[in-house]
Amino acid sequence: MAASRNRGVNEGIGDPTASSTPAFIEVSAALILGTEGLLITRRPRGSHLAGLWEFPGGKREKGETFAQGLVREIEEELGVEIEVEPWAYAEIEHRYPEKHVHLKFFRARIRSGIPRLLGCDEIAWAGKSELSSYSFPAADTALLAQLERDISFWIARDAREG
């Protein structure tokens, strides 16, 4: 009896910590500033936090840097090729009941293509004053506050690069 009980715990059967430990997920997201504002996407039906708006991106896969994962995710979700700045604009950790998320937000620009609805339900370009009218996940709250305060972020990309 004791042997079978130990075997079950080792296999995750009957182990109370197996289901109560939240998953740890590493995510990168793009802050793509265009002439009409920041590119945001609506999470698809049937997904975690469905219907909320977010900055496009996704989970980092094993062996990828955050930036490499972001380039891959944007290609998969929007069908565009992006160039990512080498350092994160913001880094946030957030705990949901079912998962612990480590997010890195990178400034990026579209190198080629036009965003399409491949992995999201809707696409919008939101200006600084418009962001507050969209419903975002709780994990994005600190970033939204930072973007509200950071006037330099909203300077036209052409002016920053010129």
N, C-alpha and C. Protein backbone atom coordinates (compact mmCIF):
# COMPACT_ATOMS: atom_id res chain seq x y z
N MET A 1 0.82 -1.19 0.00
CA MET A 1 0.00 0.00 0.00
C MET A 1 0.87 1.26 0.00
N ALA A 2 1.90 1.28 0.86
CA ALA A 2 2.77 2.45 0.92
C ALA A 2 3.51 2.64 -0.39
N ALA A 3 3.93 1.53 -1.00
CA ALA A 3 4.66 1.64 -2.27
C ALA A 3 3.79 2.27 -3.34
N SER A 4 2.53 1.86 -3.42
CA SER A 4 1.66 2.43 -4.45
C SER A 4 1.35 3.89 -4.17
N ARG A 5 1.26 4.27 -2.90
CA ARG A 5 1.01 5.67 -2.57
C ARG A 5 2.20 6.52 -3.00
N ASN A 6 3.41 6.07 -2.73
CA ASN A 6 4.59 6.83 -3.14
C ASN A 6 4.69 6.91 -4.66
N ARG A 7 4.37 5.82 -5.33
CA ARG A 7 4.43 5.83 -6.79
C ARG A 7 3.45 6.88 -7.33
N GLY A 8 2.24 6.96 -6.77
CA GLY A 8 1.26 7.94 -7.22
C GLY A 8 1.73 9.36 -7.03
N VAL A 9 2.37 9.66 -5.91
CA VAL A 9 2.86 11.02 -5.66
C VAL A 9 3.95 11.36 -6.66
N ASN A 10 4.85 10.43 -6.90
CA ASN A 10 5.92 10.69 -7.86
C ASN A 10 5.39 10.94 -9.26
N GLU A 11 4.27 10.33 -9.59
CA GLU A 11 3.70 10.51 -10.91
C GLU A 11 2.75 11.70 -10.98
N GLY A 12 2.60 12.42 -9.85
CA GLY A 12 1.71 13.56 -9.81
C GLY A 12 0.28 13.20 -9.48
N ILE A 13 0.02 11.92 -9.18
CA ILE A 13 -1.32 11.48 -8.83
C ILE A 13 -1.47 11.61 -7.32
N GLY A 14 -2.47 12.34 -6.87
CA GLY A 14 -2.69 12.52 -5.45
C GLY A 14 -1.77 13.54 -4.81
N ASP A 15 -0.93 14.19 -5.56
CA ASP A 15 -0.03 15.21 -5.05
C ASP A 15 -0.79 16.54 -4.99
N PRO A 16 -1.08 17.07 -3.78
CA PRO A 16 -1.88 18.29 -3.69
C PRO A 16 -1.20 19.50 -4.31
N THR A 17 0.11 19.51 -4.44
CA THR A 17 0.79 20.66 -5.04
C THR A 17 0.77 20.61 -6.56
N ALA A 18 0.47 19.46 -7.14
CA ALA A 18 0.51 19.33 -8.60
C ALA A 18 -0.48 20.26 -9.28
N SER A 19 -1.69 20.40 -8.75
CA SER A 19 -2.68 21.24 -9.41
C SER A 19 -2.77 22.63 -8.79
N SER A 20 -2.20 22.85 -7.60
CA SER A 20 -2.31 24.14 -6.95
C SER A 20 -1.16 25.08 -7.28
N THR A 21 -0.10 24.58 -7.88
CA THR A 21 1.02 25.43 -8.26
C THR A 21 0.73 26.08 -9.60
N PRO A 22 0.64 27.42 -9.62
CA PRO A 22 0.35 28.08 -10.90
C PRO A 22 1.49 27.88 -11.90
N ALA A 23 1.13 27.78 -13.15
CA ALA A 23 2.13 27.66 -14.21
C ALA A 23 2.90 28.98 -14.31
N PHE A 24 4.17 28.91 -14.67
CA PHE A 24 5.00 30.10 -14.89
C PHE A 24 5.16 30.27 -16.39
N ILE A 25 4.76 31.42 -16.91
CA ILE A 25 4.78 31.65 -18.35
C ILE A 25 5.57 32.91 -18.65
N GLU A 26 6.44 32.84 -19.66
CA GLU A 26 7.21 34.00 -20.10
C GLU A 26 6.63 34.49 -21.42
N VAL A 27 6.29 35.78 -21.45
CA VAL A 27 5.60 36.37 -22.58
C VAL A 27 6.31 37.63 -23.02
N SER A 28 6.36 37.86 -24.33
CA SER A 28 6.84 39.15 -24.84
C SER A 28 5.74 39.76 -25.70
N ALA A 29 5.67 41.09 -25.66
CA ALA A 29 4.64 41.80 -26.42
C ALA A 29 5.26 43.00 -27.11
N ALA A 30 4.67 43.36 -28.25
CA ALA A 30 5.19 44.44 -29.09
C ALA A 30 4.42 45.73 -28.85
N LEU A 31 5.16 46.81 -28.72
CA LEU A 31 4.60 48.16 -28.68
C LEU A 31 4.92 48.77 -30.04
N ILE A 32 3.98 48.64 -30.96
CA ILE A 32 4.17 49.10 -32.34
C ILE A 32 3.42 50.42 -32.49
N LEU A 33 4.18 51.51 -32.58
CA LEU A 33 3.59 52.83 -32.69
C LEU A 33 3.54 53.25 -34.15
N GLY A 34 2.34 53.44 -34.65
CA GLY A 34 2.14 53.91 -36.02
C GLY A 34 1.60 55.33 -36.01
N THR A 35 1.29 55.85 -37.16
CA THR A 35 0.79 57.22 -37.25
C THR A 35 -0.56 57.39 -36.56
N GLU A 36 -1.32 56.31 -36.41
CA GLU A 36 -2.64 56.38 -35.78
C GLU A 36 -2.63 55.94 -34.32
N GLY A 37 -1.48 55.60 -33.79
CA GLY A 37 -1.39 55.18 -32.39
C GLY A 37 -0.70 53.84 -32.25
N LEU A 38 -0.97 53.18 -31.12
CA LEU A 38 -0.38 51.87 -30.82
C LEU A 38 -1.25 50.76 -31.37
N LEU A 39 -0.59 49.75 -31.93
CA LEU A 39 -1.31 48.59 -32.44
C LEU A 39 -1.73 47.71 -31.25
N ILE A 40 -3.02 47.44 -31.15
CA ILE A 40 -3.54 46.54 -30.12
C ILE A 40 -4.43 45.50 -30.79
N THR A 41 -4.56 44.36 -30.14
CA THR A 41 -5.36 43.27 -30.70
C THR A 41 -6.34 42.76 -29.64
N ARG A 42 -7.45 42.23 -30.10
CA ARG A 42 -8.45 41.66 -29.19
C ARG A 42 -8.24 40.15 -29.12
N ARG A 43 -8.16 39.65 -27.88
CA ARG A 43 -7.92 38.22 -27.66
C ARG A 43 -9.08 37.41 -28.23
N PRO A 44 -8.76 36.28 -28.88
CA PRO A 44 -9.81 35.48 -29.55
C PRO A 44 -10.76 34.78 -28.58
N ARG A 45 -11.96 34.54 -29.07
CA ARG A 45 -12.95 33.77 -28.32
C ARG A 45 -12.35 32.40 -27.99
N GLY A 46 -12.66 31.91 -26.81
CA GLY A 46 -12.18 30.59 -26.40
C GLY A 46 -10.79 30.61 -25.79
N SER A 47 -10.12 31.76 -25.76
CA SER A 47 -8.78 31.84 -25.18
C SER A 47 -8.86 32.38 -23.76
N HIS A 48 -7.77 32.28 -23.02
CA HIS A 48 -7.67 32.88 -21.69
C HIS A 48 -7.88 34.39 -21.85
N LEU A 49 -8.73 34.98 -21.04
CA LEU A 49 -9.04 36.42 -21.09
C LEU A 49 -9.63 36.85 -22.43
N ALA A 50 -10.43 35.98 -23.02
CA ALA A 50 -11.05 36.24 -24.32
C ALA A 50 -11.81 37.56 -24.32
N GLY A 51 -11.69 38.28 -25.43
CA GLY A 51 -12.41 39.53 -25.61
C GLY A 51 -11.69 40.76 -25.10
N LEU A 52 -10.66 40.58 -24.27
CA LEU A 52 -9.90 41.74 -23.79
C LEU A 52 -8.89 42.15 -24.85
N TRP A 53 -8.48 43.40 -24.78
CA TRP A 53 -7.47 43.93 -25.70
C TRP A 53 -6.09 43.74 -25.10
N GLU A 54 -5.09 43.65 -25.96
CA GLU A 54 -3.72 43.45 -25.50
C GLU A 54 -2.76 43.98 -26.54
N PHE A 55 -1.50 44.07 -26.14
CA PHE A 55 -0.44 44.37 -27.08
C PHE A 55 -0.02 43.04 -27.68
N PRO A 56 0.08 42.94 -29.00
CA PRO A 56 0.31 41.64 -29.63
C PRO A 56 1.63 41.00 -29.21
N GLY A 57 1.62 39.69 -29.12
CA GLY A 57 2.80 38.94 -28.73
C GLY A 57 2.40 37.55 -28.29
N GLY A 58 3.22 36.95 -27.45
CA GLY A 58 2.89 35.61 -26.99
C GLY A 58 4.00 34.97 -26.19
N LYS A 59 3.82 33.68 -25.93
CA LYS A 59 4.74 32.92 -25.09
C LYS A 59 6.07 32.68 -25.79
N ARG A 60 7.10 32.73 -24.97
CA ARG A 60 8.45 32.41 -25.44
C ARG A 60 8.61 30.90 -25.42
N GLU A 61 9.16 30.34 -26.47
CA GLU A 61 9.41 28.90 -26.52
C GLU A 61 10.83 28.60 -26.04
N LYS A 62 11.04 27.37 -25.64
CA LYS A 62 12.34 26.94 -25.15
C LYS A 62 13.42 27.25 -26.19
N GLY A 63 14.52 27.85 -25.73
CA GLY A 63 15.63 28.16 -26.61
C GLY A 63 15.55 29.52 -27.28
N GLU A 64 14.41 30.20 -27.17
CA GLU A 64 14.24 31.52 -27.78
C GLU A 64 14.55 32.62 -26.77
N THR A 65 15.08 33.74 -27.27
CA THR A 65 15.13 34.94 -26.44
C THR A 65 13.73 35.54 -26.46
N PHE A 66 13.47 36.49 -25.59
CA PHE A 66 12.17 37.16 -25.61
C PHE A 66 11.94 37.83 -26.96
N ALA A 67 12.97 38.47 -27.50
CA ALA A 67 12.83 39.17 -28.79
C ALA A 67 12.57 38.18 -29.93
N GLN A 68 13.28 37.06 -29.95
CA GLN A 68 13.05 36.05 -31.00
C GLN A 68 11.63 35.50 -30.93
N GLY A 69 11.16 35.23 -29.73
CA GLY A 69 9.80 34.75 -29.56
C GLY A 69 8.78 35.76 -30.03
N LEU A 70 9.06 37.03 -29.80
CA LEU A 70 8.15 38.09 -30.22
C LEU A 70 8.06 38.18 -31.74
N VAL A 71 9.19 38.12 -32.41
CA VAL A 71 9.20 38.15 -33.88
C VAL A 71 8.37 36.98 -34.43
N ARG A 72 8.57 35.78 -33.87
CA ARG A 72 7.82 34.61 -34.32
C ARG A 72 6.32 34.76 -34.06
N GLU A 73 5.96 35.19 -32.85
CA GLU A 73 4.54 35.33 -32.49
C GLU A 73 3.83 36.37 -33.37
N ILE A 74 4.48 37.48 -33.65
CA ILE A 74 3.84 38.52 -34.48
C ILE A 74 3.64 38.01 -35.90
N GLU A 75 4.59 37.25 -36.41
CA GLU A 75 4.43 36.66 -37.74
C GLU A 75 3.24 35.70 -37.75
N GLU A 76 3.13 34.86 -36.70
CA GLU A 76 2.03 33.89 -36.62
C GLU A 76 0.67 34.56 -36.42
N GLU A 77 0.61 35.58 -35.57
CA GLU A 77 -0.67 36.18 -35.20
C GLU A 77 -1.15 37.29 -36.14
N LEU A 78 -0.20 38.02 -36.75
CA LEU A 78 -0.57 39.17 -37.57
C LEU A 78 -0.05 39.10 -39.00
N GLY A 79 0.84 38.16 -39.29
CA GLY A 79 1.35 38.01 -40.64
C GLY A 79 2.28 39.12 -41.09
N VAL A 80 2.94 39.77 -40.14
CA VAL A 80 3.89 40.83 -40.49
C VAL A 80 5.26 40.51 -39.91
N GLU A 81 6.27 41.07 -40.54
CA GLU A 81 7.64 40.95 -40.05
C GLU A 81 7.95 42.22 -39.28
N ILE A 82 8.49 42.06 -38.06
CA ILE A 82 8.82 43.23 -37.25
C ILE A 82 10.30 43.28 -36.93
N GLU A 83 10.74 44.47 -36.59
CA GLU A 83 12.08 44.70 -36.06
C GLU A 83 11.89 45.13 -34.61
N VAL A 84 12.58 44.46 -33.70
CA VAL A 84 12.41 44.68 -32.26
C VAL A 84 13.62 45.42 -31.71
N GLU A 85 13.38 46.45 -30.89
CA GLU A 85 14.49 47.13 -30.22
C GLU A 85 15.17 46.14 -29.27
N PRO A 86 16.48 46.28 -29.06
CA PRO A 86 17.23 45.27 -28.31
C PRO A 86 16.96 45.22 -26.81
N TRP A 87 16.35 46.23 -26.24
CA TRP A 87 16.08 46.22 -24.80
C TRP A 87 14.58 46.37 -24.57
N ALA A 88 14.13 45.84 -23.45
CA ALA A 88 12.70 45.91 -23.13
C ALA A 88 12.33 47.31 -22.66
N TYR A 89 11.20 47.80 -23.13
CA TYR A 89 10.66 49.08 -22.68
C TYR A 89 10.12 48.95 -21.25
N ALA A 90 9.51 47.82 -20.96
CA ALA A 90 8.96 47.56 -19.62
C ALA A 90 8.98 46.07 -19.35
N GLU A 91 9.07 45.73 -18.08
CA GLU A 91 9.06 44.33 -17.66
C GLU A 91 8.14 44.22 -16.45
N ILE A 92 7.20 43.29 -16.51
CA ILE A 92 6.16 43.18 -15.48
C ILE A 92 5.96 41.72 -15.10
N GLU A 93 5.73 41.48 -13.82
CA GLU A 93 5.33 40.15 -13.36
C GLU A 93 3.92 40.29 -12.80
N HIS A 94 3.06 39.35 -13.16
CA HIS A 94 1.67 39.39 -12.68
C HIS A 94 1.21 37.98 -12.37
N ARG A 95 0.47 37.86 -11.28
CA ARG A 95 -0.07 36.55 -10.87
C ARG A 95 -1.57 36.51 -11.08
N TYR A 96 -1.99 35.58 -11.92
CA TYR A 96 -3.40 35.23 -12.03
C TYR A 96 -3.58 34.00 -11.15
N PRO A 97 -4.82 33.64 -10.78
CA PRO A 97 -5.00 32.44 -9.95
C PRO A 97 -4.39 31.18 -10.57
N GLU A 98 -4.47 31.05 -11.88
CA GLU A 98 -4.02 29.83 -12.55
C GLU A 98 -2.62 29.92 -13.15
N LYS A 99 -2.03 31.13 -13.19
CA LYS A 99 -0.69 31.25 -13.78
C LYS A 99 0.04 32.49 -13.28
N HIS A 100 1.35 32.41 -13.34
CA HIS A 100 2.24 33.53 -13.01
C HIS A 100 2.89 33.93 -14.32
N VAL A 101 2.70 35.19 -14.72
CA VAL A 101 3.17 35.64 -16.02
C VAL A 101 4.31 36.65 -15.87
N HIS A 102 5.39 36.42 -16.59
CA HIS A 102 6.51 37.36 -16.68
C HIS A 102 6.44 37.95 -18.09
N LEU A 103 6.15 39.26 -18.16
CA LEU A 103 5.97 39.92 -19.46
C LEU A 103 7.10 40.90 -19.72
N LYS A 104 7.58 40.90 -20.95
CA LYS A 104 8.52 41.92 -21.41
C LYS A 104 7.88 42.61 -22.62
N PHE A 105 7.82 43.93 -22.56
CA PHE A 105 7.26 44.73 -23.64
C PHE A 105 8.39 45.42 -24.38
N PHE A 106 8.42 45.24 -25.70
CA PHE A 106 9.47 45.80 -26.55
C PHE A 106 8.86 46.78 -27.55
N ARG A 107 9.54 47.90 -27.77
CA ARG A 107 9.18 48.74 -28.90
C ARG A 107 9.55 47.98 -30.16
N ALA A 108 8.71 48.09 -31.16
CA ALA A 108 8.97 47.39 -32.42
C ALA A 108 8.38 48.20 -33.56
N ARG A 109 8.82 47.86 -34.75
CA ARG A 109 8.23 48.50 -35.94
C ARG A 109 8.00 47.43 -36.99
N ILE A 110 7.00 47.65 -37.81
CA ILE A 110 6.68 46.71 -38.88
C ILE A 110 7.67 46.93 -40.02
N ARG A 111 8.38 45.87 -40.39
CA ARG A 111 9.33 45.94 -41.51
C ARG A 111 8.63 45.64 -42.83
N SER A 112 7.72 44.66 -42.80
CA SER A 112 6.99 44.33 -44.03
C SER A 112 5.66 43.69 -43.68
N GLY A 113 4.69 43.94 -44.55
CA GLY A 113 3.37 43.36 -44.40
C GLY A 113 2.37 44.32 -43.78
N ILE A 114 1.12 43.92 -43.85
CA ILE A 114 0.01 44.66 -43.26
C ILE A 114 -0.65 43.73 -42.26
N PRO A 115 -0.86 44.19 -41.00
CA PRO A 115 -1.45 43.30 -39.99
C PRO A 115 -2.78 42.70 -40.44
N ARG A 116 -2.89 41.37 -40.21
CA ARG A 116 -4.11 40.62 -40.56
C ARG A 116 -4.60 39.86 -39.33
N LEU A 117 -5.85 39.45 -39.37
CA LEU A 117 -6.47 38.72 -38.26
C LEU A 117 -6.16 37.23 -38.35
N LEU A 118 -4.95 36.84 -37.99
CA LEU A 118 -4.56 35.42 -38.04
C LEU A 118 -4.70 34.75 -36.68
N GLY A 119 -4.42 35.48 -35.60
CA GLY A 119 -4.48 34.90 -34.26
C GLY A 119 -5.20 35.79 -33.27
N CYS A 120 -6.04 36.67 -33.76
CA CYS A 120 -6.79 37.58 -32.90
C CYS A 120 -8.14 37.85 -33.55
N ASP A 121 -9.07 38.41 -32.78
CA ASP A 121 -10.41 38.68 -33.31
C ASP A 121 -10.55 40.06 -33.93
N GLU A 122 -9.68 40.99 -33.53
CA GLU A 122 -9.81 42.36 -34.01
C GLU A 122 -8.48 43.07 -33.85
N ILE A 123 -8.24 44.07 -34.68
CA ILE A 123 -7.04 44.89 -34.63
C ILE A 123 -7.49 46.34 -34.54
N ALA A 124 -6.78 47.14 -33.73
CA ALA A 124 -7.07 48.57 -33.66
C ALA A 124 -5.77 49.34 -33.46
N TRP A 125 -5.80 50.60 -33.83
CA TRP A 125 -4.70 51.52 -33.56
C TRP A 125 -5.26 52.52 -32.55
N ALA A 126 -4.68 52.58 -31.36
CA ALA A 126 -5.21 53.43 -30.29
C ALA A 126 -4.21 54.51 -29.91
N GLY A 127 -4.67 55.75 -29.93
CA GLY A 127 -3.85 56.87 -29.49
C GLY A 127 -3.77 56.92 -27.97
N LYS A 128 -2.89 57.76 -27.47
CA LYS A 128 -2.67 57.86 -26.02
C LYS A 128 -3.98 58.11 -25.28
N SER A 129 -4.79 59.02 -25.76
CA SER A 129 -6.04 59.36 -25.06
C SER A 129 -7.12 58.29 -25.25
N GLU A 130 -6.94 57.39 -26.19
CA GLU A 130 -7.94 56.36 -26.48
C GLU A 130 -7.70 55.04 -25.73
N LEU A 131 -6.47 54.80 -25.29
CA LEU A 131 -6.14 53.52 -24.66
C LEU A 131 -7.06 53.19 -23.48
N SER A 132 -7.42 54.20 -22.70
CA SER A 132 -8.24 53.95 -21.51
C SER A 132 -9.66 53.50 -21.85
N SER A 133 -10.08 53.65 -23.09
CA SER A 133 -11.43 53.21 -23.47
C SER A 133 -11.48 51.73 -23.85
N TYR A 134 -10.33 51.06 -23.87
CA TYR A 134 -10.26 49.63 -24.18
C TYR A 134 -10.07 48.84 -22.88
N SER A 135 -10.62 47.65 -22.82
CA SER A 135 -10.46 46.78 -21.65
C SER A 135 -9.26 45.87 -21.86
N PHE A 136 -8.25 46.02 -20.99
CA PHE A 136 -7.02 45.24 -21.04
C PHE A 136 -6.98 44.28 -19.85
N PRO A 137 -6.17 43.21 -19.95
CA PRO A 137 -5.96 42.32 -18.80
C PRO A 137 -5.30 43.08 -17.65
N ALA A 138 -5.51 42.59 -16.44
CA ALA A 138 -4.92 43.22 -15.25
C ALA A 138 -3.39 43.31 -15.35
N ALA A 139 -2.77 42.35 -16.01
CA ALA A 139 -1.31 42.35 -16.14
C ALA A 139 -0.78 43.58 -16.87
N ASP A 140 -1.61 44.22 -17.69
CA ASP A 140 -1.17 45.38 -18.47
C ASP A 140 -1.39 46.71 -17.76
N THR A 141 -1.98 46.71 -16.57
CA THR A 141 -2.32 47.95 -15.87
C THR A 141 -1.10 48.84 -15.64
N ALA A 142 -0.01 48.27 -15.13
CA ALA A 142 1.19 49.07 -14.85
C ALA A 142 1.78 49.64 -16.14
N LEU A 143 1.78 48.87 -17.21
CA LEU A 143 2.30 49.36 -18.48
C LEU A 143 1.44 50.51 -19.00
N LEU A 144 0.13 50.38 -18.92
CA LEU A 144 -0.76 51.45 -19.39
C LEU A 144 -0.52 52.74 -18.62
N ALA A 145 -0.29 52.64 -17.31
CA ALA A 145 0.03 53.83 -16.50
C ALA A 145 1.36 54.43 -16.93
N GLN A 146 2.34 53.59 -17.22
CA GLN A 146 3.65 54.07 -17.67
C GLN A 146 3.52 54.78 -19.02
N LEU A 147 2.76 54.21 -19.94
CA LEU A 147 2.56 54.84 -21.25
C LEU A 147 1.84 56.18 -21.12
N GLU A 148 0.93 56.28 -20.18
CA GLU A 148 0.20 57.53 -19.94
C GLU A 148 1.15 58.64 -19.50
N ARG A 149 2.15 58.29 -18.68
CA ARG A 149 3.11 59.28 -18.15
C ARG A 149 4.25 59.59 -19.11
N ASP A 150 4.60 58.66 -19.99
CA ASP A 150 5.80 58.78 -20.82
C ASP A 150 5.52 59.53 -22.12
N ILE A 151 5.66 60.85 -22.07
CA ILE A 151 5.41 61.69 -23.24
C ILE A 151 6.35 61.31 -24.39
N SER A 152 7.61 61.00 -24.07
CA SER A 152 8.59 60.71 -25.12
C SER A 152 8.22 59.48 -25.94
N PHE A 153 7.49 58.54 -25.34
CA PHE A 153 7.09 57.35 -26.10
C PHE A 153 6.23 57.73 -27.29
N TRP A 154 5.39 58.74 -27.12
CA TRP A 154 4.39 59.10 -28.12
C TRP A 154 4.92 60.03 -29.20
N ILE A 155 6.18 60.43 -29.11
CA ILE A 155 6.76 61.25 -30.17
C ILE A 155 6.81 60.38 -31.42
N ALA A 156 6.47 60.97 -32.54
CA ALA A 156 6.42 60.21 -33.80
C ALA A 156 7.72 59.46 -34.02
N ARG A 157 7.61 58.21 -34.46
CA ARG A 157 8.78 57.37 -34.72
C ARG A 157 9.74 58.05 -35.69
N ASP A 158 9.22 58.73 -36.68
CA ASP A 158 10.08 59.41 -37.65
C ASP A 158 10.98 60.43 -36.97
N ALA A 159 10.44 61.14 -35.99
CA ALA A 159 11.23 62.13 -35.27
C ALA A 159 12.31 61.46 -34.44
N ARG A 160 12.01 60.29 -33.85
CA ARG A 160 13.01 59.58 -33.05
C ARG A 160 14.13 59.03 -33.92
N GLU A 161 13.78 58.57 -35.11
CA GLU A 161 14.78 57.94 -35.97
C GLU A 161 15.52 58.95 -36.84
N GLY A 162 14.95 60.12 -37.02
CA GLY A 162 15.52 61.12 -37.92
C GLY A 162 16.60 61.85 -37.27
